[in-house]
């Protein structure tokens, strides 16, 4: 039952936002009483915390799987983008913004974990790209990996990028094109153009 609650809560939170979904909504969707949910989670904050960490773990495993497929580095970046978008339902409800506003402790904890995981992943991708001639040899791995993280989290700020003006898919494509053009060689640019067609 606990897994079912996490699965349904995750689906509802991503579709409608962390704030608007209540414990009643989750119970109704599952077809149980609210009391049943409280047997597993003492309050909504705890449920939000468990759900976000559960989703982070699933996405992290998926990213590791993508990285083990020996793709070229640009294919890898776009495959990771598709995986994340699929798990986060294109972020229609701006979950990061709501998490930051209404559950700041969970947001900060998650952001730290995302940063650690992404730093390693991005630096490995950069090394691969340099070694295979897709990225310029003179890029600073530490700086690029950090600015990449800041940019990815920054485009999810709906005050600066309202979802009425941009879909998350558009934002991700614009950002990846912007990022890649700063680090790619001619060989990399050709591969980037192929990825942007999809």
C-alpha atoms as a PDB file:
ATOM      1  CA  UNK A   1       0.000   0.000   0.000  1.00  0.00           C
ATOM      2  CA  UNK A   2       2.841   2.400   0.827  1.00  0.00           C
ATOM      3  CA  UNK A   3       4.278   2.030  -2.693  1.00  0.00           C
ATOM      4  CA  UNK A   4       0.831   2.663  -4.191  1.00  0.00           C
ATOM      5  CA  UNK A   5       0.435   5.858  -2.148  1.00  0.00           C
ATOM      6  CA  UNK A   6       3.853   7.087  -3.298  1.00  0.00           C
ATOM      7  CA  UNK A   7       3.087   6.271  -6.933  1.00  0.00           C
ATOM      8  CA  UNK A   8      -0.332   7.969  -6.944  1.00  0.00           C
ATOM      9  CA  UNK A   9       0.870  10.978  -4.935  1.00  0.00           C
ATOM     10  CA  UNK A  10       3.800  11.445  -7.328  1.00  0.00           C
ATOM     11  CA  UNK A  11       1.476  11.353 -10.332  1.00  0.00           C
ATOM     12  CA  UNK A  12      -0.928  13.875  -8.790  1.00  0.00           C
ATOM     13  CA  UNK A  13       1.799  16.222  -7.516  1.00  0.00           C
ATOM     14  CA  UNK A  14       3.459  16.361 -10.936  1.00  0.00           C
ATOM     15  CA  UNK A  15       0.163  16.827 -12.762  1.00  0.00           C
ATOM     16  CA  UNK A  16      -1.457  19.410 -10.478  1.00  0.00           C
ATOM     17  CA  UNK A  17       1.245  20.715  -8.144  1.00  0.00           C
ATOM     18  CA  UNK A  18       2.308  20.057  -4.573  1.00  0.00           C
ATOM     19  CA  UNK A  19       0.121  22.776  -3.098  1.00  0.00           C
ATOM     20  CA  UNK A  20      -3.227  21.997  -4.713  1.00  0.00           C
ATOM     21  CA  UNK A  21      -3.242  18.243  -4.068  1.00  0.00           C
ATOM     22  CA  UNK A  22      -4.512  17.264  -0.620  1.00  0.00           C
ATOM     23  CA  UNK A  23      -4.319  14.019   1.313  1.00  0.00           C
ATOM     24  CA  UNK A  24      -8.057  13.671   0.571  1.00  0.00           C
ATOM     25  CA  UNK A  25      -7.345  13.849  -3.170  1.00  0.00           C
ATOM     26  CA  UNK A  26      -4.732  11.114  -2.892  1.00  0.00           C
ATOM     27  CA  UNK A  27      -6.988   8.887  -0.760  1.00  0.00           C
ATOM     28  CA  UNK A  28      -9.891   9.356  -3.179  1.00  0.00           C
ATOM     29  CA  UNK A  29      -7.729   8.509  -6.198  1.00  0.00           C
ATOM     30  CA  UNK A  30      -6.516   5.292  -4.554  1.00  0.00           C
ATOM     31  CA  UNK A  31      -9.959   4.428  -3.186  1.00  0.00           C
ATOM     32  CA  UNK A  32      -8.987   4.330   0.496  1.00  0.00           C
ATOM     33  CA  UNK A  33      -9.687   6.487   3.526  1.00  0.00           C
ATOM     34  CA  UNK A  34      -7.380   9.337   4.462  1.00  0.00           C
ATOM     35  CA  UNK A  35      -6.727   7.418   7.671  1.00  0.00           C
ATOM     36  CA  UNK A  36      -5.019   4.689   5.639  1.00  0.00           C
ATOM     37  CA  UNK A  37      -2.518   7.193   4.240  1.00  0.00           C
ATOM     38  CA  UNK A  38      -1.790   8.503   7.742  1.00  0.00           C
ATOM     39  CA  UNK A  39      -0.823   4.969   8.792  1.00  0.00           C
ATOM     40  CA  UNK A  40       2.202   5.317   6.502  1.00  0.00           C
ATOM     41  CA  UNK A  41       2.881   9.072   6.513  1.00  0.00           C
ATOM     42  CA  UNK A  42       2.399  11.331   9.519  1.00  0.00           C
ATOM     43  CA  UNK A  43       1.575  14.390   7.361  1.00  0.00           C
ATOM     44  CA  UNK A  44       1.692  15.778   3.843  1.00  0.00           C
ATOM     45  CA  UNK A  45       5.182  17.225   4.318  1.00  0.00           C
ATOM     46  CA  UNK A  46       6.565  13.770   5.045  1.00  0.00           C
ATOM     47  CA  UNK A  47       4.743  12.366   2.012  1.00  0.00           C
ATOM     48  CA  UNK A  48       6.132  15.125  -0.240  1.00  0.00           C
ATOM     49  CA  UNK A  49       9.626  14.418   1.093  1.00  0.00           C
ATOM     50  CA  UNK A  50       9.354  10.667   0.465  1.00  0.00           C
ATOM     51  CA  UNK A  51       7.808  11.132  -2.998  1.00  0.00           C
ATOM     52  CA  UNK A  52      10.443  13.606  -4.207  1.00  0.00           C
ATOM     53  CA  UNK A  53      13.294  11.428  -2.950  1.00  0.00           C
ATOM     54  CA  UNK A  54      11.720   8.336  -4.509  1.00  0.00           C
ATOM     55  CA  UNK A  55      11.457  10.108  -7.878  1.00  0.00           C
ATOM     56  CA  UNK A  56      15.043  11.362  -7.563  1.00  0.00           C
ATOM     57  CA  UNK A  57      16.265   7.783  -7.013  1.00  0.00           C
ATOM     58  CA  UNK A  58      14.328   6.465 -10.031  1.00  0.00           C
ATOM     59  CA  UNK A  59      15.666   9.239 -12.280  1.00  0.00           C
ATOM     60  CA  UNK A  60      19.221   8.750 -10.960  1.00  0.00           C
ATOM     61  CA  UNK A  61      19.103   5.044 -11.798  1.00  0.00           C
ATOM     62  CA  UNK A  62      17.721   5.869 -15.247  1.00  0.00           C
ATOM     63  CA  UNK A  63      20.526   8.365 -15.868  1.00  0.00           C
ATOM     64  CA  UNK A  64      23.124   5.777 -14.827  1.00  0.00           C
ATOM     65  CA  UNK A  65      21.557   3.312 -17.288  1.00  0.00           C
ATOM     66  CA  UNK A  66      21.769   5.896 -20.094  1.00  0.00           C
ATOM     67  CA  UNK A  67      25.409   6.644 -19.240  1.00  0.00           C
ATOM     68  CA  UNK A  68      26.257   2.930 -19.434  1.00  0.00           C
ATOM     69  CA  UNK A  69      25.015   2.647 -23.032  1.00  0.00           C
ATOM     70  CA  UNK A  70      28.207   4.061 -24.582  1.00  0.00           C
ATOM     71  CA  UNK A  71      26.453   6.676 -26.717  1.00  0.00           C
ATOM     72  CA  UNK A  72      28.288   9.686 -28.037  1.00  0.00           C
ATOM     73  CA  UNK A  73      28.189  12.504 -25.437  1.00  0.00           C
ATOM     74  CA  UNK A  74      25.597  14.625 -27.240  1.00  0.00           C
ATOM     75  CA  UNK A  75      23.218  11.694 -27.728  1.00  0.00           C
ATOM     76  CA  UNK A  76      23.722  10.954 -24.038  1.00  0.00           C
ATOM     77  CA  UNK A  77      22.716  14.477 -22.959  1.00  0.00           C
ATOM     78  CA  UNK A  78      19.558  14.402 -25.076  1.00  0.00           C
ATOM     79  CA  UNK A  79      18.658  10.874 -23.939  1.00  0.00           C
ATOM     80  CA  UNK A  80      18.940  12.028 -20.325  1.00  0.00           C
ATOM     81  CA  UNK A  81      16.751  15.022 -21.140  1.00  0.00           C
ATOM     82  CA  UNK A  82      14.045  12.759 -22.596  1.00  0.00           C
ATOM     83  CA  UNK A  83      14.228  10.420 -19.601  1.00  0.00           C
ATOM     84  CA  UNK A  84      13.872  13.255 -17.090  1.00  0.00           C
ATOM     85  CA  UNK A  85      11.029  14.909 -19.020  1.00  0.00           C
ATOM     86  CA  UNK A  86       9.181  11.601 -19.186  1.00  0.00           C
ATOM     87  CA  UNK A  87       9.452  11.051 -15.427  1.00  0.00           C
ATOM     88  CA  UNK A  88       8.519  14.639 -14.591  1.00  0.00           C
ATOM     89  CA  UNK A  89       5.571  14.782 -17.029  1.00  0.00           C
ATOM     90  CA  UNK A  90       7.131  17.764 -18.842  1.00  0.00           C
ATOM     91  CA  UNK A  91       6.806  19.635 -15.520  1.00  0.00           C
ATOM     92  CA  UNK A  92       3.469  21.188 -16.475  1.00  0.00           C
ATOM     93  CA  UNK A  93       2.707  22.149 -12.874  1.00  0.00           C
ATOM     94  CA  UNK A  94       6.148  23.735 -12.200  1.00  0.00           C
ATOM     95  CA  UNK A  95       6.882  21.309  -9.342  1.00  0.00           C
ATOM     96  CA  UNK A  96      10.310  22.774  -8.552  1.00  0.00           C
ATOM     97  CA  UNK A  97       8.822  26.233  -8.006  1.00  0.00           C
ATOM     98  CA  UNK A  98       6.070  24.881  -5.736  1.00  0.00           C
ATOM     99  CA  UNK A  99       8.505  22.672  -3.839  1.00  0.00           C
ATOM    100  CA  UNK A 100      10.784  25.651  -3.234  1.00  0.00           C
ATOM    101  CA  UNK A 101       7.903  27.861  -2.089  1.00  0.00           C
ATOM    102  CA  UNK A 102       5.874  25.472   0.063  1.00  0.00           C
ATOM    103  CA  UNK A 103       8.392  22.792   1.120  1.00  0.00           C
ATOM    104  CA  UNK A 104      11.727  24.663   1.309  1.00  0.00           C
ATOM    105  CA  UNK A 105      13.556  22.081   3.442  1.00  0.00           C
ATOM    106  CA  UNK A 106      12.692  19.261   1.039  1.00  0.00           C
ATOM    107  CA  UNK A 107      13.629  21.491  -1.900  1.00  0.00           C
ATOM    108  CA  UNK A 108      17.073  22.363  -0.489  1.00  0.00           C
ATOM    109  CA  UNK A 109      17.848  18.762   0.433  1.00  0.00           C
ATOM    110  CA  UNK A 110      16.825  17.571  -3.039  1.00  0.00           C
ATOM    111  CA  UNK A 111      18.788  20.336  -4.775  1.00  0.00           C
ATOM    112  CA  UNK A 112      21.985  19.333  -2.933  1.00  0.00           C
ATOM    113  CA  UNK A 113      21.536  15.696  -3.974  1.00  0.00           C
ATOM    114  CA  UNK A 114      20.802  16.714  -7.564  1.00  0.00           C
ATOM    115  CA  UNK A 115      23.927  18.859  -7.643  1.00  0.00           C
ATOM    116  CA  UNK A 116      26.207  16.067  -6.400  1.00  0.00           C
ATOM    117  CA  UNK A 117      24.726  13.539  -8.829  1.00  0.00           C
ATOM    118  CA  UNK A 118      24.777  15.916 -11.800  1.00  0.00           C
ATOM    119  CA  UNK A 119      28.322  17.154 -11.191  1.00  0.00           C
ATOM    120  CA  UNK A 120      29.743  13.666 -11.646  1.00  0.00           C
ATOM    121  CA  UNK A 121      27.477  12.871 -14.589  1.00  0.00           C
ATOM    122  CA  UNK A 122      28.199  16.133 -16.439  1.00  0.00           C
ATOM    123  CA  UNK A 123      31.962  15.981 -15.848  1.00  0.00           C
ATOM    124  CA  UNK A 124      32.052  12.423 -17.201  1.00  0.00           C
ATOM    125  CA  UNK A 125      30.079  13.572 -20.243  1.00  0.00           C
ATOM    126  CA  UNK A 126      32.471  16.481 -20.770  1.00  0.00           C
ATOM    127  CA  UNK A 127      35.532  14.222 -20.547  1.00  0.00           C
ATOM    128  CA  UNK A 128      33.949  11.819 -23.033  1.00  0.00           C
ATOM    129  CA  UNK A 129      33.140  14.687 -25.390  1.00  0.00           C
ATOM    130  CA  UNK A 130      36.667  16.107 -25.237  1.00  0.00           C
ATOM    131  CA  UNK A 131      38.287  12.699 -25.758  1.00  0.00           C
ATOM    132  CA  UNK A 132      36.080  11.970 -28.775  1.00  0.00           C
ATOM    133  CA  UNK A 133      36.422  15.386 -30.396  1.00  0.00           C
ATOM    134  CA  UNK A 134      32.828  16.575 -29.799  1.00  0.00           C
ATOM    135  CA  UNK A 135      33.767  19.255 -27.233  1.00  0.00           C
ATOM    136  CA  UNK A 136      36.586  21.795 -27.242  1.00  0.00           C
ATOM    137  CA  UNK A 137      39.735  20.703 -25.412  1.00  0.00           C
ATOM    138  CA  UNK A 138      40.178  23.955 -23.474  1.00  0.00           C
ATOM    139  CA  UNK A 139      36.918  23.971 -21.478  1.00  0.00           C
ATOM    140  CA  UNK A 140      37.039  24.088 -17.677  1.00  0.00           C
ATOM    141  CA  UNK A 141      35.158  20.980 -16.477  1.00  0.00           C
ATOM    142  CA  UNK A 142      34.399  22.337 -13.010  1.00  0.00           C
ATOM    143  CA  UNK A 143      33.036  25.647 -14.285  1.00  0.00           C
ATOM    144  CA  UNK A 144      30.994  24.116 -17.125  1.00  0.00           C
ATOM    145  CA  UNK A 145      29.445  21.432 -14.892  1.00  0.00           C
ATOM    146  CA  UNK A 146      28.411  24.057 -12.329  1.00  0.00           C
ATOM    147  CA  UNK A 147      27.043  26.558 -14.853  1.00  0.00           C
ATOM    148  CA  UNK A 148      25.135  23.721 -16.516  1.00  0.00           C
ATOM    149  CA  UNK A 149      23.426  22.879 -13.217  1.00  0.00           C
ATOM    150  CA  UNK A 150      22.615  26.538 -12.500  1.00  0.00           C
ATOM    151  CA  UNK A 151      21.131  26.948 -15.977  1.00  0.00           C
ATOM    152  CA  UNK A 152      19.016  23.800 -15.779  1.00  0.00           C
ATOM    153  CA  UNK A 153      17.569  24.762 -12.414  1.00  0.00           C
ATOM    154  CA  UNK A 154      17.227  28.407 -13.499  1.00  0.00           C
ATOM    155  CA  UNK A 155      14.997  27.714 -16.505  1.00  0.00           C
ATOM    156  CA  UNK A 156      12.515  26.038 -14.145  1.00  0.00           C
ATOM    157  CA  UNK A 157      11.899  29.333 -12.333  1.00  0.00           C
ATOM    158  CA  UNK A 158       8.459  30.318 -13.553  1.00  0.00           C
ATOM    159  CA  UNK A 159       8.950  33.960 -12.524  1.00  0.00           C
ATOM    160  CA  UNK A 160      11.583  34.239 -15.255  1.00  0.00           C
ATOM    161  CA  UNK A 161      10.231  31.617 -17.650  1.00  0.00           C
ATOM    162  CA  UNK A 162       6.424  31.510 -17.306  1.00  0.00           C
ATOM    163  CA  UNK A 163       4.915  28.256 -18.550  1.00  0.00           C
ATOM    164  CA  UNK A 164       2.348  30.332 -20.453  1.00  0.00           C
ATOM    165  CA  UNK A 165       5.190  31.596 -22.647  1.00  0.00           C
ATOM    166  CA  UNK A 166       7.342  28.457 -22.891  1.00  0.00           C
ATOM    167  CA  UNK A 167       6.714  24.758 -22.585  1.00  0.00           C
ATOM    168  CA  UNK A 168       9.311  22.892 -20.533  1.00  0.00           C
ATOM    169  CA  UNK A 169      10.267  20.947 -23.665  1.00  0.00           C
ATOM    170  CA  UNK A 170      10.998  24.200 -25.530  1.00  0.00           C
ATOM    171  CA  UNK A 171      12.992  25.573 -22.612  1.00  0.00           C
ATOM    172  CA  UNK A 172      15.055  22.408 -22.346  1.00  0.00           C
ATOM    173  CA  UNK A 173      15.818  22.413 -26.081  1.00  0.00           C
ATOM    174  CA  UNK A 174      16.718  26.116 -26.074  1.00  0.00           C
ATOM    175  CA  UNK A 175      18.942  25.642 -23.051  1.00  0.00           C
ATOM    176  CA  UNK A 176      20.707  22.549 -24.373  1.00  0.00           C
ATOM    177  CA  UNK A 177      21.350  24.265 -27.715  1.00  0.00           C
ATOM    178  CA  UNK A 178      22.710  27.321 -25.887  1.00  0.00           C
ATOM    179  CA  UNK A 179      24.908  25.173 -23.623  1.00  0.00           C
ATOM    180  CA  UNK A 180      26.214  22.854 -26.336  1.00  0.00           C
ATOM    181  CA  UNK A 181      27.081  25.603 -28.796  1.00  0.00           C
ATOM    182  CA  UNK A 182      29.372  27.063 -26.143  1.00  0.00           C
ATOM    183  CA  UNK A 183      31.420  23.879 -25.796  1.00  0.00           C
ATOM    184  CA  UNK A 184      31.111  21.954 -29.085  1.00  0.00           C
ATOM    185  CA  UNK A 185      33.615  21.533 -31.888  1.00  0.00           C
ATOM    186  CA  UNK A 186      32.393  21.465 -35.508  1.00  0.00           C
ATOM    187  CA  UNK A 187      31.943  17.705 -35.157  1.00  0.00           C
ATOM    188  CA  UNK A 188      29.856  18.289 -32.038  1.00  0.00           C
ATOM    189  CA  UNK A 189      27.722  20.980 -33.700  1.00  0.00           C
ATOM    190  CA  UNK A 190      26.784  18.555 -36.488  1.00  0.00           C
ATOM    191  CA  UNK A 191      25.658  15.982 -33.926  1.00  0.00           C
ATOM    192  CA  UNK A 192      23.783  18.687 -31.999  1.00  0.00           C
ATOM    193  CA  UNK A 193      21.874  19.719 -35.131  1.00  0.00           C
ATOM    194  CA  UNK A 194      20.802  16.084 -35.621  1.00  0.00           C
ATOM    195  CA  UNK A 195      19.506  15.875 -32.030  1.00  0.00           C
ATOM    196  CA  UNK A 196      17.602  19.162 -32.276  1.00  0.00           C
ATOM    197  CA  UNK A 197      15.540  17.785 -35.177  1.00  0.00           C
ATOM    198  CA  UNK A 198      13.724  15.334 -32.867  1.00  0.00           C
END
